[in-house]
Amino acid sequence: MASTDDPTDDEVVQTAAAAAEDVVFSRLSRSNVEDLDITVSFDDGILEVDIYFNAPDSQADIDRVAEDATLAARAAVDDLLE
């Protein structure tokens, strides 16, 4: 049973999205990112994070940035729920 101190689903989603965005923009210049879409859902205790971005002029490993952003989102939610 959830207590009144438990974060809302919206707080979980916002936390995950913010963490993912922070990682993307810590690795890539905002001017290099032409498009960024972070979709987060949290239903029945299951977190789903999808990240898409287009940064054609970036020298970074785009797949690694996306994977790291997803992991950061999950870690942020784990911390929130502890």
N, C-alpha and C. Protein backbone atom coordinates (compact mmCIF):
# COMPACT_ATOMS: atom_id res chain seq x y z
N MET A 1 0.85 -1.18 0.00
CA MET A 1 0.00 0.00 0.00
C MET A 1 0.90 1.23 0.00
N ALA A 2 0.56 2.21 -0.82
CA ALA A 2 1.35 3.43 -0.94
C ALA A 2 1.08 4.34 0.25
N SER A 3 2.17 4.95 0.74
CA SER A 3 1.99 5.91 1.82
C SER A 3 1.87 7.30 1.23
N THR A 4 1.50 8.25 2.06
CA THR A 4 1.33 9.63 1.57
C THR A 4 2.66 10.25 1.19
N ASP A 5 3.78 9.65 1.63
CA ASP A 5 5.10 10.16 1.29
C ASP A 5 5.61 9.63 -0.06
N ASP A 6 4.93 8.64 -0.61
CA ASP A 6 5.36 8.08 -1.90
C ASP A 6 5.17 9.12 -3.00
N PRO A 7 6.10 9.18 -3.95
CA PRO A 7 5.95 10.13 -5.04
C PRO A 7 4.79 9.73 -5.95
N THR A 8 4.19 10.72 -6.56
CA THR A 8 3.11 10.45 -7.51
C THR A 8 3.72 9.92 -8.80
N ASP A 9 2.89 9.32 -9.63
CA ASP A 9 3.36 8.85 -10.94
C ASP A 9 3.93 10.01 -11.74
N ASP A 10 3.30 11.18 -11.64
CA ASP A 10 3.78 12.36 -12.36
C ASP A 10 5.17 12.77 -11.88
N GLU A 11 5.40 12.71 -10.59
CA GLU A 11 6.72 13.04 -10.05
C GLU A 11 7.78 12.05 -10.54
N VAL A 12 7.42 10.80 -10.64
CA VAL A 12 8.33 9.78 -11.15
C VAL A 12 8.69 10.08 -12.60
N VAL A 13 7.68 10.36 -13.41
CA VAL A 13 7.89 10.66 -14.82
C VAL A 13 8.76 11.90 -14.99
N GLN A 14 8.45 12.96 -14.23
CA GLN A 14 9.22 14.21 -14.32
C GLN A 14 10.68 13.98 -13.92
N THR A 15 10.90 13.21 -12.87
CA THR A 15 12.25 12.92 -12.40
C THR A 15 13.04 12.17 -13.45
N ALA A 16 12.44 11.16 -14.04
CA ALA A 16 13.12 10.36 -15.07
C ALA A 16 13.44 11.20 -16.30
N ALA A 17 12.49 11.99 -16.75
CA ALA A 17 12.71 12.82 -17.94
C ALA A 17 13.80 13.85 -17.70
N ALA A 18 13.81 14.47 -16.54
CA ALA A 18 14.83 15.48 -16.23
C ALA A 18 16.22 14.85 -16.18
N ALA A 19 16.33 13.67 -15.58
CA ALA A 19 17.63 13.00 -15.50
C ALA A 19 18.14 12.63 -16.90
N ALA A 20 17.25 12.13 -17.73
CA ALA A 20 17.65 11.76 -19.10
C ALA A 20 18.09 13.00 -19.88
N GLU A 21 17.33 14.07 -19.78
CA GLU A 21 17.68 15.31 -20.48
C GLU A 21 19.02 15.86 -20.00
N ASP A 22 19.26 15.79 -18.70
CA ASP A 22 20.53 16.26 -18.14
C ASP A 22 21.72 15.52 -18.75
N VAL A 23 21.58 14.21 -18.91
CA VAL A 23 22.68 13.43 -19.49
C VAL A 23 22.89 13.81 -20.96
N VAL A 24 21.81 13.90 -21.71
CA VAL A 24 21.94 14.25 -23.13
C VAL A 24 22.68 15.58 -23.28
N PHE A 25 22.25 16.59 -22.51
CA PHE A 25 22.86 17.91 -22.69
C PHE A 25 24.17 18.07 -21.92
N SER A 26 24.55 17.09 -21.12
CA SER A 26 25.89 17.13 -20.53
C SER A 26 26.91 16.56 -21.52
N ARG A 27 26.43 15.79 -22.46
CA ARG A 27 27.31 15.16 -23.46
C ARG A 27 27.30 15.86 -24.81
N LEU A 28 26.18 16.52 -25.10
CA LEU A 28 26.01 17.16 -26.41
C LEU A 28 25.66 18.63 -26.24
N SER A 29 26.18 19.43 -27.12
CA SER A 29 25.84 20.85 -27.12
C SER A 29 24.38 21.01 -27.56
N ARG A 30 23.67 21.89 -26.90
CA ARG A 30 22.28 22.15 -27.28
C ARG A 30 22.18 22.56 -28.75
N SER A 31 23.19 23.26 -29.24
CA SER A 31 23.16 23.71 -30.63
C SER A 31 23.34 22.55 -31.61
N ASN A 32 23.88 21.41 -31.15
CA ASN A 32 24.04 20.24 -32.01
C ASN A 32 22.80 19.35 -32.04
N VAL A 33 21.92 19.52 -31.06
CA VAL A 33 20.73 18.67 -30.99
C VAL A 33 19.59 19.35 -31.74
N GLU A 34 19.24 18.76 -32.88
CA GLU A 34 18.17 19.32 -33.69
C GLU A 34 16.79 18.91 -33.21
N ASP A 35 16.72 17.73 -32.60
CA ASP A 35 15.43 17.22 -32.15
C ASP A 35 15.68 16.32 -30.94
N LEU A 36 14.85 16.45 -29.93
CA LEU A 36 14.95 15.60 -28.74
C LEU A 36 13.55 15.24 -28.29
N ASP A 37 13.33 13.94 -28.13
CA ASP A 37 12.04 13.46 -27.64
C ASP A 37 12.31 12.42 -26.56
N ILE A 38 11.89 12.74 -25.35
CA ILE A 38 12.02 11.81 -24.22
C ILE A 38 10.61 11.46 -23.78
N THR A 39 10.27 10.19 -23.91
CA THR A 39 8.95 9.72 -23.52
C THR A 39 9.10 8.79 -22.33
N VAL A 40 8.41 9.12 -21.25
CA VAL A 40 8.50 8.33 -20.03
C VAL A 40 7.09 7.96 -19.59
N SER A 41 6.92 6.71 -19.21
CA SER A 41 5.66 6.29 -18.60
C SER A 41 5.97 5.48 -17.35
N PHE A 42 5.07 5.56 -16.40
CA PHE A 42 5.20 4.82 -15.15
C PHE A 42 3.82 4.30 -14.79
N ASP A 43 3.60 3.03 -15.08
CA ASP A 43 2.30 2.41 -14.83
C ASP A 43 2.49 1.11 -14.07
N ASP A 44 1.73 0.97 -12.99
CA ASP A 44 1.78 -0.25 -12.17
C ASP A 44 3.21 -0.59 -11.75
N GLY A 45 3.99 0.45 -11.43
CA GLY A 45 5.35 0.24 -10.95
C GLY A 45 6.37 -0.07 -12.02
N ILE A 46 5.96 0.02 -13.28
CA ILE A 46 6.87 -0.27 -14.40
C ILE A 46 7.23 1.03 -15.10
N LEU A 47 8.53 1.30 -15.16
CA LEU A 47 9.05 2.51 -15.80
C LEU A 47 9.48 2.18 -17.22
N GLU A 48 9.01 2.97 -18.16
CA GLU A 48 9.45 2.83 -19.55
C GLU A 48 10.00 4.18 -19.99
N VAL A 49 11.20 4.14 -20.57
CA VAL A 49 11.87 5.35 -21.03
C VAL A 49 12.28 5.14 -22.48
N ASP A 50 11.83 6.03 -23.35
CA ASP A 50 12.24 6.02 -24.76
C ASP A 50 12.86 7.37 -25.06
N ILE A 51 14.04 7.33 -25.66
CA ILE A 51 14.75 8.56 -25.97
C ILE A 51 15.11 8.56 -27.45
N TYR A 52 14.75 9.64 -28.11
CA TYR A 52 15.13 9.84 -29.50
C TYR A 52 15.73 11.23 -29.59
N PHE A 53 16.86 11.34 -30.26
CA PHE A 53 17.37 12.66 -30.58
C PHE A 53 18.17 12.60 -31.87
N ASN A 54 18.23 13.74 -32.51
CA ASN A 54 18.95 13.89 -33.74
C ASN A 54 20.04 14.93 -33.51
N ALA A 55 21.28 14.49 -33.61
CA ALA A 55 22.42 15.39 -33.42
C ALA A 55 23.45 15.07 -34.50
N PRO A 56 23.16 15.43 -35.74
CA PRO A 56 23.99 15.00 -36.87
C PRO A 56 25.42 15.55 -36.85
N ASP A 57 25.65 16.68 -36.23
CA ASP A 57 26.98 17.27 -36.23
C ASP A 57 27.81 16.88 -35.01
N SER A 58 27.26 16.04 -34.17
CA SER A 58 27.95 15.65 -32.95
C SER A 58 29.00 14.58 -33.23
N GLN A 59 30.09 14.65 -32.50
CA GLN A 59 31.15 13.63 -32.59
C GLN A 59 30.94 12.53 -31.55
N ALA A 60 29.95 12.70 -30.69
CA ALA A 60 29.70 11.74 -29.61
C ALA A 60 29.08 10.45 -30.16
N ASP A 61 29.25 9.39 -29.41
CA ASP A 61 28.61 8.11 -29.71
C ASP A 61 27.14 8.24 -29.31
N ILE A 62 26.29 8.48 -30.26
CA ILE A 62 24.87 8.77 -30.02
C ILE A 62 24.17 7.63 -29.29
N ASP A 63 24.46 6.40 -29.68
CA ASP A 63 23.83 5.25 -29.02
C ASP A 63 24.24 5.18 -27.55
N ARG A 64 25.49 5.47 -27.26
CA ARG A 64 25.98 5.46 -25.88
C ARG A 64 25.31 6.56 -25.05
N VAL A 65 25.15 7.73 -25.65
CA VAL A 65 24.48 8.84 -24.95
C VAL A 65 23.04 8.45 -24.62
N ALA A 66 22.34 7.87 -25.59
CA ALA A 66 20.96 7.45 -25.35
C ALA A 66 20.87 6.39 -24.27
N GLU A 67 21.78 5.42 -24.31
CA GLU A 67 21.79 4.35 -23.29
C GLU A 67 22.09 4.92 -21.91
N ASP A 68 23.08 5.81 -21.84
CA ASP A 68 23.43 6.42 -20.55
C ASP A 68 22.29 7.28 -20.01
N ALA A 69 21.58 7.97 -20.90
CA ALA A 69 20.45 8.80 -20.48
C ALA A 69 19.32 7.92 -19.93
N THR A 70 19.10 6.79 -20.55
CA THR A 70 18.08 5.86 -20.07
C THR A 70 18.46 5.30 -18.70
N LEU A 71 19.72 4.93 -18.55
CA LEU A 71 20.19 4.42 -17.25
C LEU A 71 20.09 5.48 -16.16
N ALA A 72 20.40 6.73 -16.51
CA ALA A 72 20.30 7.82 -15.53
C ALA A 72 18.85 8.04 -15.11
N ALA A 73 17.93 7.91 -16.05
CA ALA A 73 16.51 8.07 -15.73
C ALA A 73 16.07 6.99 -14.75
N ARG A 74 16.48 5.76 -15.01
CA ARG A 74 16.13 4.66 -14.11
C ARG A 74 16.74 4.85 -12.71
N ALA A 75 18.00 5.27 -12.68
CA ALA A 75 18.67 5.48 -11.39
C ALA A 75 18.01 6.59 -10.60
N ALA A 76 17.62 7.66 -11.28
CA ALA A 76 16.96 8.78 -10.60
C ALA A 76 15.64 8.34 -9.98
N VAL A 77 14.91 7.50 -10.70
CA VAL A 77 13.63 7.00 -10.19
C VAL A 77 13.88 6.05 -9.02
N ASP A 78 14.88 5.20 -9.14
CA ASP A 78 15.23 4.30 -8.01
C ASP A 78 15.52 5.12 -6.76
N ASP A 79 16.31 6.19 -6.91
CA ASP A 79 16.62 7.05 -5.77
C ASP A 79 15.37 7.70 -5.20
N LEU A 80 14.48 8.12 -6.08
CA LEU A 80 13.24 8.77 -5.65
C LEU A 80 12.35 7.81 -4.86
N LEU A 81 12.32 6.56 -5.29
CA LEU A 81 11.43 5.59 -4.67
C LEU A 81 12.00 4.94 -3.41
N GLU A 82 13.26 5.16 -3.12
CA GLU A 82 13.87 4.56 -1.93
C GLU A 82 13.41 5.26 -0.67
